[in-house]
Structures are given as structure tokens and as C-alpha cells.
Amino acid sequence: VPIQCEYYALEGLSQLIHTIELVQERLNPE
């Protein structure tokens, strides 16, 4: 995950991590 060094860097990151966790759970446990 590339993150730009800017004020809103963390915004949206939790959403991305949530999506990754859903994919891990349901589609690709590896």
C-alpha cells in the first residue's frame, strides 16, 4: 500500500484494510 506523505494519508486507509480483510475472509485466505 503506497501512502502519500500528506495530511489525509490515513483517510481511506481503514476502508482499504477492511476490504483486504473481507477478501482474506471470503475469497483469498492466503
PDB file of all heavy atoms in Angstrom:
ATOM      1  N   VAL A   1       0.848  -1.193   0.000  1.00  0.00           N
ATOM      2  CA  VAL A   1       0.000   0.000   0.000  1.00  0.00           C
ATOM      3  C   VAL A   1       0.885   1.245   0.000  1.00  0.00           C
ATOM      4  O   VAL A   1       1.559   1.524   0.989  1.00  0.00           O
ATOM      5  CB  VAL A   1      -0.910   0.020   1.253  1.00  0.00           C
ATOM      6  CG1 VAL A   1      -1.823   1.247   1.220  1.00  0.00           C
ATOM      7  CG2 VAL A   1      -1.726  -1.267   1.359  1.00  0.00           C
ATOM      8  N   PRO A   2       0.905   1.992  -1.109  1.00  0.00           N
ATOM      9  CA  PRO A   2       1.648   3.258  -1.103  1.00  0.00           C
ATOM     10  C   PRO A   2       0.811   4.329  -0.394  1.00  0.00           C
ATOM     11  O   PRO A   2      -0.395   4.433  -0.616  1.00  0.00           O
ATOM     12  CB  PRO A   2       1.805   3.616  -2.584  1.00  0.00           C
ATOM     13  CG  PRO A   2       1.113   2.544  -3.359  1.00  0.00           C
ATOM     14  CD  PRO A   2       0.286   1.732  -2.422  1.00  0.00           C
ATOM     15  N   ILE A   3       1.448   5.090   0.462  1.00  0.00           N
ATOM     16  CA  ILE A   3       0.767   6.171   1.166  1.00  0.00           C
ATOM     17  C   ILE A   3       1.525   7.464   0.927  1.00  0.00           C
ATOM     18  O   ILE A   3       2.732   7.535   1.151  1.00  0.00           O
ATOM     19  CB  ILE A   3       0.730   5.906   2.686  1.00  0.00           C
ATOM     20  CG1 ILE A   3      -0.132   4.684   2.983  1.00  0.00           C
ATOM     21  CG2 ILE A   3       0.181   7.121   3.422  1.00  0.00           C
ATOM     22  CD1 ILE A   3      -0.317   4.460   4.470  1.00  0.00           C
ATOM     23  N   GLN A   4       0.789   8.470   0.471  1.00  0.00           N
ATOM     24  CA  GLN A   4       1.419   9.759   0.249  1.00  0.00           C
ATOM     25  C   GLN A   4       1.611  10.467   1.589  1.00  0.00           C
ATOM     26  O   GLN A   4       0.745  10.399   2.458  1.00  0.00           O
ATOM     27  CB  GLN A   4       0.525  10.609  -0.654  1.00  0.00           C
ATOM     28  CG  GLN A   4       1.155  11.913  -1.070  1.00  0.00           C
ATOM     29  CD  GLN A   4       0.216  12.736  -1.928  1.00  0.00           C
ATOM     30  OE1 GLN A   4      -0.828  12.266  -2.334  1.00  0.00           O
ATOM     31  NE2 GLN A   4       0.596  13.972  -2.180  1.00  0.00           N
ATOM     32  N   CYS A   5       2.752  11.104   1.732  1.00  0.00           N
ATOM     33  CA  CYS A   5       3.020  11.829   2.972  1.00  0.00           C
ATOM     34  C   CYS A   5       2.245  13.139   2.988  1.00  0.00           C
ATOM     35  O   CYS A   5       2.780  14.207   2.689  1.00  0.00           O
ATOM     36  CB  CYS A   5       4.519  12.114   3.100  1.00  0.00           C
ATOM     37  SG  CYS A   5       5.461  10.626   3.399  1.00  0.00           S
ATOM     38  N   GLU A   6       0.954  13.048   3.303  1.00  0.00           N
ATOM     39  CA  GLU A   6       0.129  14.254   3.355  1.00  0.00           C
ATOM     40  C   GLU A   6      -0.862  14.110   4.494  1.00  0.00           C
ATOM     41  O   GLU A   6      -1.048  13.036   5.049  1.00  0.00           O
ATOM     42  CB  GLU A   6      -0.603  14.475   2.034  1.00  0.00           C
ATOM     43  CG  GLU A   6      -1.374  13.257   1.582  1.00  0.00           C
ATOM     44  CD  GLU A   6      -2.715  13.581   0.960  1.00  0.00           C
ATOM     45  OE1 GLU A   6      -2.807  14.585   0.271  1.00  0.00           O
ATOM     46  OE2 GLU A   6      -3.660  12.820   1.195  1.00  0.00           O
ATOM     47  N   TYR A   7      -1.533  15.204   4.797  1.00  0.00           N
ATOM     48  CA  TYR A   7      -2.369  15.281   5.990  1.00  0.00           C
ATOM     49  C   TYR A   7      -3.452  14.199   6.017  1.00  0.00           C
ATOM     50  O   TYR A   7      -3.752  13.641   7.065  1.00  0.00           O
ATOM     51  CB  TYR A   7      -2.994  16.673   6.068  1.00  0.00           C
ATOM     52  CG  TYR A   7      -3.786  16.888   7.326  1.00  0.00           C
ATOM     53  CD1 TYR A   7      -3.151  16.902   8.571  1.00  0.00           C
ATOM     54  CD2 TYR A   7      -5.163  17.066   7.276  1.00  0.00           C
ATOM     55  CE1 TYR A   7      -3.873  17.089   9.736  1.00  0.00           C
ATOM     56  CE2 TYR A   7      -5.892  17.260   8.441  1.00  0.00           C
ATOM     57  CZ  TYR A   7      -5.243  17.266   9.666  1.00  0.00           C
ATOM     58  OH  TYR A   7      -5.963  17.452  10.821  1.00  0.00           O
ATOM     59  N   TYR A   8      -4.046  13.907   4.871  1.00  0.00           N
ATOM     60  CA  TYR A   8      -5.158  12.948   4.846  1.00  0.00           C
ATOM     61  C   TYR A   8      -4.702  11.528   4.550  1.00  0.00           C
ATOM     62  O   TYR A   8      -5.478  10.705   4.091  1.00  0.00           O
ATOM     63  CB  TYR A   8      -6.199  13.372   3.808  1.00  0.00           C
ATOM     64  CG  TYR A   8      -6.897  14.661   4.170  1.00  0.00           C
ATOM     65  CD1 TYR A   8      -6.695  15.817   3.429  1.00  0.00           C
ATOM     66  CD2 TYR A   8      -7.747  14.719   5.276  1.00  0.00           C
ATOM     67  CE1 TYR A   8      -7.327  17.002   3.769  1.00  0.00           C
ATOM     68  CE2 TYR A   8      -8.377  15.906   5.632  1.00  0.00           C
ATOM     69  CZ  TYR A   8      -8.170  17.037   4.872  1.00  0.00           C
ATOM     70  OH  TYR A   8      -8.788  18.211   5.218  1.00  0.00           O
ATOM     71  N   ALA A   9      -3.457  11.241   4.819  1.00  0.00           N
ATOM     72  CA  ALA A   9      -2.900   9.939   4.440  1.00  0.00           C
ATOM     73  C   ALA A   9      -3.698   8.763   5.009  1.00  0.00           C
ATOM     74  O   ALA A   9      -3.921   7.763   4.333  1.00  0.00           O
ATOM     75  CB  ALA A   9      -1.446   9.839   4.895  1.00  0.00           C
ATOM     76  N   LEU A  10      -4.114   8.890   6.261  1.00  0.00           N
ATOM     77  CA  LEU A  10      -4.788   7.759   6.903  1.00  0.00           C
ATOM     78  C   LEU A  10      -6.248   7.626   6.484  1.00  0.00           C
ATOM     79  O   LEU A  10      -6.862   6.587   6.663  1.00  0.00           O
ATOM     80  CB  LEU A  10      -4.719   7.902   8.434  1.00  0.00           C
ATOM     81  CG  LEU A  10      -3.373   7.508   9.048  1.00  0.00           C
ATOM     82  CD1 LEU A  10      -3.313   7.927  10.502  1.00  0.00           C
ATOM     83  CD2 LEU A  10      -3.134   6.020   8.931  1.00  0.00           C
ATOM     84  N   GLU A  11      -6.765   8.710   5.910  1.00  0.00           N
ATOM     85  CA  GLU A  11      -8.171   8.675   5.492  1.00  0.00           C
ATOM     86  C   GLU A  11      -8.324   7.695   4.327  1.00  0.00           C
ATOM     87  O   GLU A  11      -7.572   7.745   3.355  1.00  0.00           O
ATOM     88  CB  GLU A  11      -8.595  10.072   5.043  1.00  0.00           C
ATOM     89  CG  GLU A  11     -10.075  10.305   5.057  1.00  0.00           C
ATOM     90  CD  GLU A  11     -10.396  11.767   4.785  1.00  0.00           C
ATOM     91  OE1 GLU A  11     -10.384  12.570   5.732  1.00  0.00           O
ATOM     92  OE2 GLU A  11     -10.613  12.091   3.618  1.00  0.00           O
ATOM     93  N   GLY A  12      -9.279   6.816   4.423  1.00  0.00           N
ATOM     94  CA  GLY A  12      -9.466   5.853   3.343  1.00  0.00           C
ATOM     95  C   GLY A  12      -8.630   4.606   3.539  1.00  0.00           C
ATOM     96  O   GLY A  12      -8.898   3.568   2.935  1.00  0.00           O
ATOM     97  N   LEU A  13      -7.607   4.706   4.387  1.00  0.00           N
ATOM     98  CA  LEU A  13      -6.744   3.538   4.581  1.00  0.00           C
ATOM     99  C   LEU A  13      -7.471   2.440   5.346  1.00  0.00           C
ATOM    100  O   LEU A  13      -7.351   1.259   5.032  1.00  0.00           O
ATOM    101  CB  LEU A  13      -5.477   3.959   5.331  1.00  0.00           C
ATOM    102  CG  LEU A  13      -4.343   2.956   5.254  1.00  0.00           C
ATOM    103  CD1 LEU A  13      -3.916   2.745   3.813  1.00  0.00           C
ATOM    104  CD2 LEU A  13      -3.157   3.409   6.073  1.00  0.00           C
ATOM    105  N   SER A  14      -8.288   2.866   6.329  1.00  0.00           N
ATOM    106  CA  SER A  14      -9.024   1.850   7.097  1.00  0.00           C
ATOM    107  C   SER A  14     -10.032   1.136   6.193  1.00  0.00           C
ATOM    108  O   SER A  14     -10.269  -0.060   6.331  1.00  0.00           O
ATOM    109  CB  SER A  14      -9.734   2.500   8.289  1.00  0.00           C
ATOM    110  OG  SER A  14     -10.554   3.559   7.835  1.00  0.00           O
ATOM    111  N   GLN A  15     -10.592   1.891   5.236  1.00  0.00           N
ATOM    112  CA  GLN A  15     -11.522   1.286   4.269  1.00  0.00           C
ATOM    113  C   GLN A  15     -10.799   0.240   3.420  1.00  0.00           C
ATOM    114  O   GLN A  15     -11.300  -0.863   3.183  1.00  0.00           O
ATOM    115  CB  GLN A  15     -12.097   2.396   3.370  1.00  0.00           C
ATOM    116  CG  GLN A  15     -13.059   1.905   2.299  1.00  0.00           C
ATOM    117  CD  GLN A  15     -14.317   1.271   2.876  1.00  0.00           C
ATOM    118  OE1 GLN A  15     -14.921   1.817   3.783  1.00  0.00           O
ATOM    119  NE2 GLN A  15     -14.701   0.113   2.381  1.00  0.00           N
ATOM    120  N   LEU A  16      -9.598   0.591   2.980  1.00  0.00           N
ATOM    121  CA  LEU A  16      -8.814  -0.341   2.166  1.00  0.00           C
ATOM    122  C   LEU A  16      -8.473  -1.602   2.970  1.00  0.00           C
ATOM    123  O   LEU A  16      -8.608  -2.723   2.491  1.00  0.00           O
ATOM    124  CB  LEU A  16      -7.521   0.339   1.686  1.00  0.00           C
ATOM    125  CG  LEU A  16      -6.578  -0.534   0.863  1.00  0.00           C
ATOM    126  CD1 LEU A  16      -7.184  -0.877  -0.490  1.00  0.00           C
ATOM    127  CD2 LEU A  16      -5.236   0.154   0.659  1.00  0.00           C
ATOM    128  N   ILE A  17      -8.054  -1.395   4.214  1.00  0.00           N
ATOM    129  CA  ILE A  17      -7.690  -2.547   5.048  1.00  0.00           C
ATOM    130  C   ILE A  17      -8.917  -3.420   5.318  1.00  0.00           C
ATOM    131  O   ILE A  17      -8.837  -4.650   5.308  1.00  0.00           O
ATOM    132  CB  ILE A  17      -7.012  -2.064   6.356  1.00  0.00           C
ATOM    133  CG1 ILE A  17      -5.620  -1.518   6.006  1.00  0.00           C
ATOM    134  CG2 ILE A  17      -6.889  -3.200   7.378  1.00  0.00           C
ATOM    135  CD1 ILE A  17      -4.902  -0.812   7.122  1.00  0.00           C
ATOM    136  N   HIS A  18     -10.072  -2.775   5.494  1.00  0.00           N
ATOM    137  CA  HIS A  18     -11.324  -3.516   5.681  1.00  0.00           C
ATOM    138  C   HIS A  18     -11.619  -4.375   4.445  1.00  0.00           C
ATOM    139  O   HIS A  18     -11.987  -5.554   4.554  1.00  0.00           O
ATOM    140  CB  HIS A  18     -12.471  -2.534   5.941  1.00  0.00           C
ATOM    141  CG  HIS A  18     -13.799  -3.195   6.088  1.00  0.00           C
ATOM    142  ND1 HIS A  18     -14.081  -4.099   7.102  1.00  0.00           N
ATOM    143  CD2 HIS A  18     -14.930  -3.107   5.336  1.00  0.00           C
ATOM    144  CE1 HIS A  18     -15.334  -4.520   6.961  1.00  0.00           C
ATOM    145  NE2 HIS A  18     -15.865  -3.944   5.904  1.00  0.00           N
ATOM    146  N   THR A  19     -11.444  -3.793   3.264  1.00  0.00           N
ATOM    147  CA  THR A  19     -11.680  -4.542   2.020  1.00  0.00           C
ATOM    148  C   THR A  19     -10.723  -5.726   1.917  1.00  0.00           C
ATOM    149  O   THR A  19     -11.129  -6.839   1.568  1.00  0.00           O
ATOM    150  CB  THR A  19     -11.479  -3.618   0.796  1.00  0.00           C
ATOM    151  OG1 THR A  19     -12.359  -2.513   0.917  1.00  0.00           O
ATOM    152  CG2 THR A  19     -11.759  -4.344  -0.505  1.00  0.00           C
ATOM    153  N   ILE A  20      -9.461  -5.477   2.249  1.00  0.00           N
ATOM    154  CA  ILE A  20      -8.471  -6.560   2.193  1.00  0.00           C
ATOM    155  C   ILE A  20      -8.870  -7.681   3.154  1.00  0.00           C
ATOM    156  O   ILE A  20      -8.798  -8.867   2.816  1.00  0.00           O
ATOM    157  CB  ILE A  20      -7.058  -6.018   2.521  1.00  0.00           C
ATOM    158  CG1 ILE A  20      -6.599  -5.054   1.414  1.00  0.00           C
ATOM    159  CG2 ILE A  20      -6.058  -7.166   2.673  1.00  0.00           C
ATOM    160  CD1 ILE A  20      -5.355  -4.245   1.745  1.00  0.00           C
ATOM    161  N   GLU A  21      -9.340  -7.292   4.341  1.00  0.00           N
ATOM    162  CA  GLU A  21      -9.751  -8.310   5.324  1.00  0.00           C
ATOM    163  C   GLU A  21     -10.958  -9.111   4.835  1.00  0.00           C
ATOM    164  O   GLU A  21     -11.041 -10.321   5.037  1.00  0.00           O
ATOM    165  CB  GLU A  21     -10.052  -7.642   6.679  1.00  0.00           C
ATOM    166  CG  GLU A  21      -8.768  -7.238   7.409  1.00  0.00           C
ATOM    167  CD  GLU A  21      -9.011  -6.321   8.604  1.00  0.00           C
ATOM    168  OE1 GLU A  21     -10.165  -5.861   8.788  1.00  0.00           O
ATOM    169  OE2 GLU A  21      -8.040  -6.059   9.339  1.00  0.00           O
ATOM    170  N   LEU A  22     -11.892  -8.440   4.161  1.00  0.00           N
ATOM    171  CA  LEU A  22     -13.047  -9.150   3.591  1.00  0.00           C
ATOM    172  C   LEU A  22     -12.602 -10.150   2.531  1.00  0.00           C
ATOM    173  O   LEU A  22     -13.101 -11.278   2.468  1.00  0.00           O
ATOM    174  CB  LEU A  22     -14.032  -8.157   2.961  1.00  0.00           C
ATOM    175  CG  LEU A  22     -14.969  -7.413   3.904  1.00  0.00           C
ATOM    176  CD1 LEU A  22     -15.829  -6.436   3.120  1.00  0.00           C
ATOM    177  CD2 LEU A  22     -15.862  -8.388   4.668  1.00  0.00           C
ATOM    178  N   VAL A  23     -11.657  -9.708   1.674  1.00  0.00           N
ATOM    179  CA  VAL A  23     -11.137 -10.615   0.642  1.00  0.00           C
ATOM    180  C   VAL A  23     -10.440 -11.808   1.301  1.00  0.00           C
ATOM    181  O   VAL A  23     -10.617 -12.959   0.882  1.00  0.00           O
ATOM    182  CB  VAL A  23     -10.177  -9.863  -0.314  1.00  0.00           C
ATOM    183  CG1 VAL A  23      -9.486 -10.830  -1.260  1.00  0.00           C
ATOM    184  CG2 VAL A  23     -10.943  -8.818  -1.122  1.00  0.00           C
ATOM    185  N   GLN A  24      -9.670 -11.544   2.358  1.00  0.00           N
ATOM    186  CA  GLN A  24      -8.996 -12.634   3.086  1.00  0.00           C
ATOM    187  C   GLN A  24     -10.028 -13.630   3.631  1.00  0.00           C
ATOM    188  O   GLN A  24      -9.874 -14.843   3.505  1.00  0.00           O
ATOM    189  CB  GLN A  24      -8.203 -12.063   4.276  1.00  0.00           C
ATOM    190  CG  GLN A  24      -6.907 -11.382   3.873  1.00  0.00           C
ATOM    191  CD  GLN A  24      -6.314 -10.562   5.013  1.00  0.00           C
ATOM    192  OE1 GLN A  24      -7.034 -10.002   5.835  1.00  0.00           O
ATOM    193  NE2 GLN A  24      -4.985 -10.474   5.060  1.00  0.00           N
ATOM    194  N   GLU A  25     -11.082 -13.084   4.223  1.00  0.00           N
ATOM    195  CA  GLU A  25     -12.105 -13.913   4.855  1.00  0.00           C
ATOM    196  C   GLU A  25     -12.848 -14.780   3.851  1.00  0.00           C
ATOM    197  O   GLU A  25     -13.095 -15.957   4.080  1.00  0.00           O
ATOM    198  CB  GLU A  25     -13.131 -12.971   5.505  1.00  0.00           C
ATOM    199  CG  GLU A  25     -13.392 -13.198   6.972  1.00  0.00           C
ATOM    200  CD  GLU A  25     -14.259 -12.055   7.488  1.00  0.00           C
ATOM    201  OE1 GLU A  25     -15.485 -12.132   7.281  1.00  0.00           O
ATOM    202  OE2 GLU A  25     -13.704 -11.075   8.035  1.00  0.00           O
ATOM    203  N   ARG A  26     -13.233 -14.160   2.726  1.00  0.00           N
ATOM    204  CA  ARG A  26     -14.207 -14.811   1.851  1.00  0.00           C
ATOM    205  C   ARG A  26     -13.628 -15.378   0.562  1.00  0.00           C
ATOM    206  O   ARG A  26     -14.208 -16.281  -0.036  1.00  0.00           O
ATOM    207  CB  ARG A  26     -15.308 -13.810   1.484  1.00  0.00           C
ATOM    208  CG  ARG A  26     -16.041 -13.338   2.724  1.00  0.00           C
ATOM    209  CD  ARG A  26     -17.118 -12.340   2.409  1.00  0.00           C
ATOM    210  NE  ARG A  26     -17.666 -11.794   3.663  1.00  0.00           N
ATOM    211  CZ  ARG A  26     -18.597 -10.865   3.710  1.00  0.00           C
ATOM    212  NH1 ARG A  26     -19.087 -10.368   2.592  1.00  0.00           N
ATOM    213  NH2 ARG A  26     -19.043 -10.424   4.876  1.00  0.00           N
ATOM    214  N   LEU A  27     -12.528 -14.818   0.101  1.00  0.00           N
ATOM    215  CA  LEU A  27     -12.080 -15.155  -1.247  1.00  0.00           C
ATOM    216  C   LEU A  27     -10.645 -15.673  -1.325  1.00  0.00           C
ATOM    217  O   LEU A  27     -10.326 -16.504  -2.158  1.00  0.00           O
ATOM    218  CB  LEU A  27     -12.207 -13.919  -2.164  1.00  0.00           C
ATOM    219  CG  LEU A  27     -13.613 -13.329  -2.309  1.00  0.00           C
ATOM    220  CD1 LEU A  27     -13.538 -11.972  -2.982  1.00  0.00           C
ATOM    221  CD2 LEU A  27     -14.519 -14.260  -3.100  1.00  0.00           C
ATOM    222  N   ASN A  28      -9.760 -15.108  -0.505  1.00  0.00           N
ATOM    223  CA  ASN A  28      -8.343 -15.463  -0.627  1.00  0.00           C
ATOM    224  C   ASN A  28      -7.674 -15.448   0.753  1.00  0.00           C
ATOM    225  O   ASN A  28      -7.024 -14.477   1.139  1.00  0.00           O
ATOM    226  CB  ASN A  28      -7.632 -14.479  -1.575  1.00  0.00           C
ATOM    227  CG  ASN A  28      -6.158 -14.803  -1.773  1.00  0.00           C
ATOM    228  OD1 ASN A  28      -5.654 -15.799  -1.249  1.00  0.00           O
ATOM    229  ND2 ASN A  28      -5.458 -13.957  -2.511  1.00  0.00           N
ATOM    230  N   PRO A  29      -7.838 -16.553   1.509  1.00  0.00           N
ATOM    231  CA  PRO A  29      -7.300 -16.586   2.872  1.00  0.00           C
ATOM    232  C   PRO A  29      -5.782 -16.444   2.939  1.00  0.00           C
ATOM    233  O   PRO A  29      -5.228 -16.112   3.979  1.00  0.00           O
ATOM    234  CB  PRO A  29      -7.744 -17.962   3.393  1.00  0.00           C
ATOM    235  CG  PRO A  29      -8.196 -18.739   2.209  1.00  0.00           C
ATOM    236  CD  PRO A  29      -8.567 -17.774   1.147  1.00  0.00           C
ATOM    237  N   GLU A  30      -5.101 -16.662   1.804  1.00  0.00           N
ATOM    238  CA  GLU A  30      -3.631 -16.569   1.780  1.00  0.00           C
ATOM    239  C   GLU A  30      -3.131 -15.127   1.681  1.00  0.00           C
ATOM    240  O   GLU A  30      -1.955 -14.850   1.872  1.00  0.00           O
ATOM    241  CB  GLU A  30      -3.059 -17.344   0.574  1.00  0.00           C
ATOM    242  CG  GLU A  30      -3.543 -18.792   0.440  1.00  0.00           C
ATOM    243  CD  GLU A  30      -3.050 -19.638   1.598  1.00  0.00           C
ATOM    244  OE1 GLU A  30      -1.829 -19.711   1.783  1.00  0.00           O
ATOM    245  OE2 GLU A  30      -3.904 -20.210   2.316  1.00  0.00           O
TER     246      GLU A  30
END
